Amino acid sequence: MPYLQRELENLLPKISKDYKVIAIIGPRQSGKTTLVKHIFKHYKYYNLENIETLEILQDDPLSILSEDNLPIIIDEAQKAPNIFSQIQVLADSIDKNGQIILTGSSNLLLQKNLSQSLAGRVAILNLFPLSYGELIQNNIQPNSLNRIIFTGFYPALYNLYTNHAAENSAQPDLTFSDENEARITRYYKNYTNTYLKRDILDILKVKESVTFFKFLKLLAYSAGQLVKLTELANAIDKTHTTLKNWLTNLQITYITFELQPYYRNFGKRIIKTPKIYFYDTGLLSYLAGITTSKDLYLHPLYGQLFENFVIADYIKTAYHNDIEPNAYFWRTASGVEIDLLIEKGRKIHAIEVKVNKTFKTKFLKNLNYIKSLPNISGQIETYLVYGGDSTFSVSGHYIYSVRDIHRLWDKILKG
């Protein structure tokens, strides 16, 4: 299988020199196993999805967690929560750093054990599906924005096409024919059935898969919107508490994330309810019933999918550079809204997102508004990300083509 380069791989060797234990967490099939096996080629590898390996580790942890057996990779470590105290003992007994690599796909279960047993001994890194910048880095970006949004960013999808090309001594087929797009839909159907439903319903210890899938589809239509759990609960005849629990577990397993409202009051009363987004637009498209990239243009979710793509891409890029995103949205009670606020040091980066391919000065209305507020001048830089092809500046604002967002993130995160 061709290896896809990841931004995080530049940090891993450096961080492994400073910590006894490295933990990489993220959603299923985001590439965690491939990454650690590529970077730590000579480490012994144990996958706890393998029932026999899991039983051995639970029954006789010292057969694997011993100094003589280092260095090691333990994949899906959250499957055996009882081993973390033994990992702590092992970490304390060795002098060399970077000898124990853990991966996991459940944030809460893994984070809880890491923070309780391995505080001060572990570096925790996040790996999500590919960012747009990583597509460009690997020269595998599909040939239209709609295909990028529809395909999503799970590495397995791009390996599917590069593998097919390698077998036929050809360049990867990134034009995404009808056949290829059908493969994408099948991938997300299988992903939903084999990973998403299973993992979350196992955690919740319920068997309401039909109702849960209805909730997922309703949630897809809420992407980029304020979270209204009471309305969703009424729609599927569930309690607000039940849906809050379901939503929490979607966040734990890295399917969705909340964007919180900006906590500073720029002289105006602000909305306090968070917004919901999906980490991957391919999964979001599938849950919304979109079966081809051509369907995107006329779909009522098109603008929300575009906004979700931009905001999720920033979140992924920040984490892949081991930087806290510090991302928010800002919305006044009167309806003035900025889609994305990024706080970095004393600087605020305000970003509006418009799906339109043609730039219009009216798109700058809210950016002009926030820039004019008292006590904010000089602290804020303003940007518009839109669906067109040109990147330029106008009237003190930076206008970025969506195809240049990797450069925008680089400017904000590393500038």
Protein backbone atom coordinates (compact mmCIF):
# COMPACT_ATOMS: atom_id res chain seq x y z
CA MET A 1 0.00 0.00 0.00
CA PRO A 2 1.51 3.39 -0.96
CA TYR A 3 2.42 5.49 2.05
CA LEU A 4 0.77 8.91 2.35
CA GLN A 5 2.93 11.50 4.06
CA ARG A 6 1.38 13.14 7.12
CA GLU A 7 2.24 16.45 8.75
CA LEU A 8 2.46 14.81 12.16
CA GLU A 9 5.33 12.57 11.09
CA ASN A 10 7.73 15.52 11.32
CA LEU A 11 6.89 15.97 15.00
CA LEU A 12 6.81 12.36 16.14
CA PRO A 13 10.56 11.64 16.15
CA LYS A 14 11.24 14.89 18.03
CA ILE A 15 8.54 14.36 20.64
CA SER A 16 9.55 10.73 21.19
CA LYS A 17 12.91 11.98 22.46
CA ASP A 18 11.22 13.81 25.34
CA TYR A 19 8.57 11.37 26.62
CA LYS A 20 8.55 7.76 27.77
CA VAL A 21 5.12 7.15 26.19
CA ILE A 22 3.61 8.58 22.99
CA ALA A 23 -0.16 8.30 22.49
CA ILE A 24 -1.76 9.02 19.12
CA ILE A 25 -5.52 9.26 19.19
CA GLY A 26 -8.06 9.94 16.47
CA PRO A 27 -11.00 8.45 14.58
CA ARG A 28 -11.09 4.99 13.08
CA GLN A 29 -9.15 4.67 9.80
CA SER A 30 -7.48 8.07 10.08
CA GLY A 31 -4.08 6.45 9.49
CA LYS A 32 -2.76 6.03 13.04
CA THR A 33 -1.49 2.48 12.56
CA THR A 34 0.11 3.25 9.20
CA LEU A 35 1.84 6.32 10.65
CA VAL A 36 3.34 4.68 13.74
CA LYS A 37 4.45 1.57 11.85
CA HIS A 38 6.14 3.82 9.27
CA ILE A 39 7.94 6.01 11.83
CA PHE A 40 8.74 3.27 14.34
CA LYS A 41 9.54 0.50 11.87
CA HIS A 42 11.45 -1.79 14.22
CA TYR A 43 9.03 -1.71 17.15
CA LYS A 44 7.10 -4.84 18.12
CA TYR A 45 3.47 -4.36 17.15
CA TYR A 46 0.38 -5.52 19.09
CA ASN A 47 -3.15 -4.87 17.84
CA LEU A 48 -5.79 -5.18 20.55
CA GLU A 49 -8.50 -5.59 17.94
CA ASN A 50 -7.05 -9.10 17.75
CA ILE A 51 -8.95 -11.04 20.40
CA GLU A 52 -6.05 -13.42 21.14
CA THR A 53 -3.62 -10.55 21.65
CA LEU A 54 -6.11 -8.74 23.85
CA GLU A 55 -6.64 -11.84 26.01
CA ILE A 56 -2.89 -12.39 26.40
CA LEU A 57 -2.36 -8.79 27.46
CA GLN A 58 -5.22 -8.92 29.94
CA ASP A 59 -4.30 -12.31 31.43
CA ASP A 60 -0.53 -11.89 31.48
CA PRO A 61 0.41 -8.22 30.89
CA LEU A 62 4.06 -8.77 31.81
CA SER A 63 4.50 -11.07 28.82
CA ILE A 64 4.24 -7.96 26.64
CA LEU A 65 4.77 -5.01 29.00
CA SER A 66 8.32 -5.75 30.11
CA GLU A 67 11.66 -4.04 29.56
CA ASP A 68 12.95 -7.02 27.58
CA ASN A 69 10.11 -6.61 25.05
CA LEU A 70 10.65 -2.93 24.32
CA PRO A 71 10.19 -0.94 22.17
CA ILE A 72 6.52 -1.64 21.42
CA ILE A 73 3.43 -0.29 19.68
CA ILE A 74 0.04 -1.10 21.24
CA ASP A 75 -2.79 -0.38 18.81
CA GLU A 76 -6.32 0.43 20.04
CA ALA A 77 -5.05 0.62 23.61
CA GLN A 78 -8.43 1.68 25.00
CA LYS A 79 -9.58 -1.94 24.52
CA ALA A 80 -7.58 -2.90 27.63
CA PRO A 81 -8.00 -0.12 30.22
CA ASN A 82 -6.52 -2.34 32.94
CA ILE A 83 -3.02 -2.19 31.37
CA PHE A 84 -2.36 1.50 31.97
CA SER A 85 -1.16 1.07 35.54
CA GLN A 86 1.31 -1.54 34.29
CA ILE A 87 2.43 0.83 31.52
CA GLN A 88 3.07 3.42 34.23
CA VAL A 89 5.25 0.97 36.18
CA LEU A 90 7.13 0.06 32.99
CA ALA A 91 7.63 3.70 32.00
CA ASP A 92 9.04 4.50 35.42
CA SER A 93 11.51 1.61 35.22
CA ILE A 94 13.19 2.64 31.95
CA ASP A 95 15.58 5.48 31.19
CA LYS A 96 15.17 5.72 27.41
CA ASN A 97 12.33 7.81 25.99
CA GLY A 98 9.97 6.95 23.14
CA GLN A 99 9.87 3.22 23.87
CA ILE A 100 6.09 2.82 24.24
CA ILE A 101 3.72 3.94 21.48
CA LEU A 102 -0.04 3.78 22.04
CA THR A 103 -2.86 4.45 19.60
CA GLY A 104 -6.58 4.70 20.24
CA SER A 105 -9.85 5.73 18.64
CA SER A 106 -11.87 6.67 21.70
CA ASN A 107 -10.95 10.01 23.17
CA LEU A 108 -12.68 9.72 26.53
CA LEU A 109 -11.64 6.16 27.38
CA LEU A 110 -8.04 6.69 26.34
CA GLN A 111 -7.64 10.21 27.69
CA LYS A 112 -9.09 9.20 31.07
CA ASN A 113 -6.58 6.37 31.47
CA LEU A 114 -3.69 8.42 30.16
CA SER A 115 -4.36 11.34 32.49
CA GLN A 116 -4.88 9.11 35.53
CA SER A 117 -1.97 6.70 35.08
CA LEU A 118 0.57 8.42 32.85
CA ALA A 119 0.47 12.09 33.79
CA GLY A 120 3.84 13.67 33.02
CA ARG A 121 5.05 10.57 31.20
CA VAL A 122 2.97 10.74 28.01
CA ALA A 123 2.70 13.05 25.01
CA ILE A 124 -0.77 12.98 23.46
CA LEU A 125 -1.08 13.75 19.75
CA ASN A 126 -4.15 13.79 17.53
CA LEU A 127 -4.36 12.30 14.04
CA PHE A 128 -7.43 12.99 11.94
CA PRO A 129 -8.24 12.11 8.35
CA LEU A 130 -6.09 13.89 5.78
CA SER A 131 -6.13 17.67 5.64
CA TYR A 132 -6.40 19.54 2.36
CA GLY A 133 -2.73 20.48 2.70
CA GLU A 134 -1.82 16.80 3.03
CA LEU A 135 -3.72 16.02 -0.18
CA ILE A 136 -1.58 18.61 -1.94
CA GLN A 137 1.60 17.37 -0.25
CA ASN A 138 0.92 13.88 -1.63
CA ASN A 139 -0.35 15.18 -4.99
CA ILE A 140 -3.62 13.29 -4.67
CA GLN A 141 -6.21 16.07 -4.56
CA PRO A 142 -9.23 15.32 -6.80
CA ASN A 143 -9.66 17.65 -9.74
CA SER A 144 -12.62 19.65 -8.40
CA LEU A 145 -13.60 21.11 -5.05
CA ASN A 146 -16.92 19.25 -5.10
CA ARG A 147 -15.12 15.94 -5.49
CA ILE A 148 -12.86 16.80 -2.57
CA ILE A 149 -15.85 17.57 -0.34
CA PHE A 150 -17.78 14.51 -1.55
CA THR A 151 -14.83 12.13 -1.22
CA GLY A 152 -13.76 13.30 2.20
CA PHE A 153 -10.34 12.66 3.64
CA TYR A 154 -9.99 9.11 4.94
CA PRO A 155 -6.65 7.74 3.67
CA ALA A 156 -8.17 4.40 2.63
CA LEU A 157 -10.14 6.11 -0.14
CA TYR A 158 -7.00 7.62 -1.66
CA ASN A 159 -5.08 4.38 -1.24
CA LEU A 160 -7.86 2.69 -3.19
CA TYR A 161 -7.07 4.76 -6.27
CA THR A 162 -3.29 4.83 -5.91
CA ASN A 163 -3.27 1.03 -5.46
CA HIS A 164 -5.36 0.58 -8.59
CA ALA A 165 -3.01 2.86 -10.50
CA ALA A 166 0.09 1.03 -9.26
CA GLU A 167 -1.32 -2.29 -10.39
CA ASN A 168 -1.86 -0.87 -13.85
CA SER A 169 1.37 1.18 -14.06
CA ALA A 170 -0.65 4.36 -14.37
CA GLN A 171 -1.10 7.66 -12.59
CA PRO A 172 -3.76 7.70 -9.84
CA ASP A 173 -7.25 8.16 -11.26
CA LEU A 174 -8.41 11.24 -9.42
CA THR A 175 -11.08 12.25 -11.93
CA PHE A 176 -13.53 10.19 -9.88
CA SER A 177 -15.76 8.48 -12.39
CA ASP A 178 -19.26 7.24 -11.56
CA GLU A 179 -17.68 3.90 -10.63
CA ASN A 180 -15.24 5.58 -8.28
CA GLU A 181 -17.97 7.66 -6.65
CA ALA A 182 -20.03 4.51 -6.09
CA ARG A 183 -16.99 3.07 -4.29
CA ILE A 184 -16.90 6.13 -2.06
CA THR A 185 -20.55 5.72 -1.13
CA ARG A 186 -19.96 2.03 -0.33
CA TYR A 187 -16.96 2.97 1.81
CA TYR A 188 -19.00 5.34 3.96
CA LYS A 189 -21.87 2.87 4.20
CA ASN A 190 -19.45 0.24 5.51
CA TYR A 191 -17.71 2.77 7.75
CA THR A 192 -21.03 3.74 9.30
CA ASN A 193 -22.14 0.14 9.83
CA THR A 194 -18.85 -1.45 10.93
CA TYR A 195 -17.21 1.33 12.91
CA LEU A 196 -19.45 4.23 13.72
CA LYS A 197 -22.59 2.41 14.85
CA ARG A 198 -20.69 -0.45 16.46
CA ASP A 199 -18.25 1.67 18.45
CA ILE A 200 -20.76 4.19 19.68
CA LEU A 201 -23.59 1.77 20.37
CA ASP A 202 -21.15 -0.48 22.22
CA ILE A 203 -20.11 2.44 24.40
CA LEU A 204 -23.75 3.42 24.99
CA LYS A 205 -24.73 -0.23 25.55
CA VAL A 206 -27.93 0.18 23.52
CA LYS A 207 -29.31 -1.55 20.44
CA GLU A 208 -31.25 1.31 18.88
CA SER A 209 -29.28 1.35 15.64
CA VAL A 210 -32.24 2.45 13.47
CA THR A 211 -33.11 5.39 15.69
CA PHE A 212 -29.46 6.27 16.12
CA PHE A 213 -28.96 6.36 12.34
CA LYS A 214 -31.97 8.69 12.02
CA PHE A 215 -30.28 10.93 14.57
CA LEU A 216 -27.07 10.91 12.53
CA LYS A 217 -28.93 11.97 9.39
CA LEU A 218 -30.73 14.76 11.21
CA LEU A 219 -27.44 15.86 12.71
CA ALA A 220 -25.92 16.00 9.22
CA TYR A 221 -28.54 18.57 8.25
CA SER A 222 -27.60 20.55 11.35
CA ALA A 223 -23.92 20.83 10.37
CA GLY A 224 -22.70 24.39 10.78
CA GLN A 225 -25.82 25.31 12.75
CA LEU A 226 -26.49 26.04 16.40
CA VAL A 227 -27.05 22.83 18.36
CA LYS A 228 -30.80 22.39 19.00
CA LEU A 229 -31.03 19.07 20.78
CA THR A 230 -34.61 19.57 21.97
CA GLU A 231 -35.85 19.88 18.38
CA LEU A 232 -33.85 16.82 17.31
CA ALA A 233 -35.13 14.85 20.30
CA ASN A 234 -38.73 15.67 19.43
CA ALA A 235 -38.16 14.60 15.82
CA ILE A 236 -37.15 11.05 16.80
CA ASP A 237 -39.15 10.77 20.03
CA LYS A 238 -36.16 10.65 22.35
CA THR A 239 -35.30 12.69 25.40
CA HIS A 240 -32.97 15.66 25.36
CA THR A 241 -30.72 13.80 27.82
CA THR A 242 -30.46 10.76 25.52
CA LEU A 243 -29.47 12.85 22.53
CA LYS A 244 -26.96 14.81 24.57
CA ASN A 245 -25.37 11.51 25.52
CA TRP A 246 -25.34 10.36 21.88
CA LEU A 247 -23.79 13.63 20.75
CA THR A 248 -21.13 13.42 23.46
CA ASN A 249 -20.15 9.98 22.20
CA LEU A 250 -19.96 11.20 18.61
CA GLN A 251 -17.43 13.75 19.85
CA ILE A 252 -15.57 11.14 21.91
CA THR A 253 -15.12 8.97 18.81
CA TYR A 254 -14.05 11.93 16.66
CA ILE A 255 -17.06 12.02 14.33
CA THR A 256 -18.26 15.51 15.26
CA PHE A 257 -16.94 18.50 17.15
CA GLU A 258 -18.50 21.59 18.65
CA LEU A 259 -17.37 25.11 17.82
CA GLN A 260 -17.95 27.24 20.88
CA PRO A 261 -19.03 30.89 20.72
CA TYR A 262 -16.26 33.39 21.39
CA TYR A 263 -16.26 34.18 25.07
CA ARG A 264 -15.26 37.84 24.87
CA ASN A 265 -18.05 40.37 24.61
CA PHE A 266 -17.03 42.94 22.02
CA GLY A 267 -19.55 45.39 23.44
CA LYS A 268 -22.52 43.33 22.21
CA ARG A 269 -24.65 40.55 23.69
CA ILE A 270 -23.55 37.32 22.02
CA ILE A 271 -25.08 33.93 21.33
CA LYS A 272 -23.88 31.29 23.82
CA THR A 273 -25.00 28.07 22.09
CA PRO A 274 -22.28 26.04 20.28
CA LYS A 275 -22.37 24.91 16.64
CA ILE A 276 -21.93 21.34 15.43
CA TYR A 277 -19.53 20.23 12.68
CA PHE A 278 -18.29 16.92 11.28
CA TYR A 279 -14.58 16.19 11.02
CA ASP A 280 -15.08 14.64 7.58
CA THR A 281 -17.20 16.02 4.75
CA GLY A 282 -17.31 12.68 2.93
CA LEU A 283 -19.10 11.08 5.87
CA LEU A 284 -21.27 14.17 6.22
CA SER A 285 -22.22 13.96 2.52
CA TYR A 286 -23.10 10.28 2.87
CA LEU A 287 -25.30 10.90 5.91
CA ALA A 288 -27.05 13.71 3.99
CA GLY A 289 -27.92 11.25 1.22
CA ILE A 290 -25.53 12.68 -1.39
CA THR A 291 -24.41 9.90 -3.74
CA THR A 292 -22.40 11.79 -6.39
CA SER A 293 -20.31 14.96 -6.36
CA LYS A 294 -22.64 16.41 -9.02
CA ASP A 295 -25.45 16.41 -6.45
CA LEU A 296 -23.62 18.97 -4.32
CA TYR A 297 -24.39 22.08 -6.40
CA LEU A 298 -28.15 21.84 -5.99
CA HIS A 299 -28.20 20.28 -2.55
CA PRO A 300 -29.65 22.45 0.26
CA LEU A 301 -26.60 21.59 2.37
CA TYR A 302 -24.06 22.85 -0.18
CA GLY A 303 -23.17 26.04 1.70
CA GLN A 304 -23.00 24.18 5.02
CA LEU A 305 -20.77 21.47 3.51
CA PHE A 306 -18.41 24.12 2.15
CA GLU A 307 -18.23 25.89 5.52
CA ASN A 308 -17.78 22.55 7.31
CA PHE A 309 -14.90 21.69 4.95
CA VAL A 310 -13.07 24.95 5.68
CA ILE A 311 -13.52 24.92 9.46
CA ALA A 312 -12.76 21.21 9.91
CA ASP A 313 -9.67 21.62 7.75
CA TYR A 314 -8.35 24.29 10.08
CA ILE A 315 -9.01 22.13 13.16
CA LYS A 316 -7.23 19.13 11.60
CA THR A 317 -4.27 21.21 10.43
CA ALA A 318 -3.79 22.76 13.85
CA TYR A 319 -3.82 19.39 15.61
CA HIS A 320 -1.51 17.84 13.02
CA ASN A 321 1.00 20.55 13.93
CA ASP A 322 0.43 19.90 17.65
CA ILE A 323 -1.11 23.35 18.09
CA GLU A 324 -4.27 23.99 20.09
CA PRO A 325 -6.81 25.32 17.54
CA ASN A 326 -8.33 28.02 19.82
CA ALA A 327 -11.20 28.23 17.34
CA TYR A 328 -14.60 29.82 17.89
CA PHE A 329 -17.45 31.49 16.07
CA TRP A 330 -18.89 34.88 16.95
CA ARG A 331 -22.53 35.86 16.66
CA THR A 332 -24.43 38.75 18.18
CA ALA A 333 -28.03 38.55 19.35
CA SER A 334 -28.93 40.75 16.38
CA GLY A 335 -27.53 38.19 13.91
CA VAL A 336 -24.11 39.58 12.97
CA GLU A 337 -21.88 36.52 12.61
CA ILE A 338 -18.26 35.59 11.93
CA ASP A 339 -17.90 31.94 10.91
CA LEU A 340 -14.48 31.33 12.45
CA LEU A 341 -12.45 33.24 15.03
CA ILE A 342 -8.96 32.02 15.80
CA GLU A 343 -7.18 33.39 18.83
CA LYS A 344 -3.41 33.22 18.64
CA GLY A 345 -1.55 35.10 21.32
CA ARG A 346 -2.99 38.61 21.41
CA LYS A 347 -4.03 38.45 17.78
CA ILE A 348 -7.53 37.53 16.60
CA HIS A 349 -8.04 36.14 13.11
CA ALA A 350 -11.63 36.60 11.90
CA ILE A 351 -12.65 34.44 8.92
CA GLU A 352 -15.85 34.56 6.89
CA VAL A 353 -16.67 31.65 4.59
CA LYS A 354 -18.69 32.00 1.36
CA VAL A 355 -19.28 29.19 -1.12
CA ASN A 356 -19.75 31.63 -4.03
CA LYS A 357 -17.19 31.46 -6.83
CA THR A 358 -17.45 35.20 -7.57
CA PHE A 359 -16.16 37.66 -4.98
CA LYS A 360 -18.51 40.49 -4.01
CA THR A 361 -17.75 43.35 -1.65
CA LYS A 362 -20.98 42.68 0.26
CA PHE A 363 -19.31 39.52 1.60
CA LEU A 364 -17.14 41.82 3.74
CA LYS A 365 -20.04 43.37 5.67
CA ASN A 366 -19.58 41.37 8.89
CA LEU A 367 -15.80 41.63 8.72
CA ASN A 368 -16.09 45.41 8.44
CA TYR A 369 -18.46 45.39 11.39
CA ILE A 370 -16.22 43.44 13.76
CA LYS A 371 -13.17 45.40 12.67
CA SER A 372 -14.93 48.65 13.61
CA LEU A 373 -15.76 47.62 17.17
CA PRO A 374 -14.09 49.55 20.02
CA ASN A 375 -10.99 48.07 21.66
CA ILE A 376 -10.37 45.61 18.83
CA SER A 377 -8.59 47.70 16.19
CA GLY A 378 -5.02 46.51 15.70
CA GLN A 379 -5.72 43.18 17.41
CA ILE A 380 -7.63 41.65 14.52
CA GLU A 381 -6.85 40.42 11.01
CA THR A 382 -9.77 39.67 8.71
CA TYR A 383 -10.10 37.08 5.97
CA LEU A 384 -12.67 35.83 3.51
CA VAL A 385 -12.45 32.27 2.18
CA TYR A 386 -14.58 31.81 -0.92
CA GLY A 387 -15.14 29.30 -3.72
CA GLY A 388 -13.32 31.26 -6.42
CA ASP A 389 -9.81 30.84 -7.81
CA SER A 390 -8.06 34.14 -6.93
CA THR A 391 -6.29 35.14 -3.73
CA PHE A 392 -5.79 38.87 -3.13
CA SER A 393 -6.41 41.65 -0.61
CA VAL A 394 -8.94 44.46 -0.64
CA SER A 395 -9.85 47.25 1.79
CA GLY A 396 -7.66 45.83 4.55
CA HIS A 397 -9.06 42.27 4.23
CA TYR A 398 -7.30 39.16 2.91
CA ILE A 399 -9.36 37.28 0.32
CA TYR A 400 -8.37 33.60 -0.03
CA SER A 401 -9.40 31.13 -2.68
CA VAL A 402 -10.49 27.91 -1.00
CA ARG A 403 -7.71 26.21 -2.95
CA ASP A 404 -5.20 28.27 -0.98
CA ILE A 405 -6.53 27.56 2.52
CA HIS A 406 -3.48 25.47 3.37
CA ARG A 407 -1.44 28.64 2.88
CA LEU A 408 -3.84 30.60 5.08
CA TRP A 409 -3.53 28.04 7.89
CA ASP A 410 0.24 28.15 7.53
CA LYS A 411 0.19 31.93 7.83
CA ILE A 412 -1.99 31.85 10.95
CA LEU A 413 -0.42 28.88 12.74
CA LYS A 414 3.22 29.50 11.94
CA GLY A 415 3.31 33.19 11.18
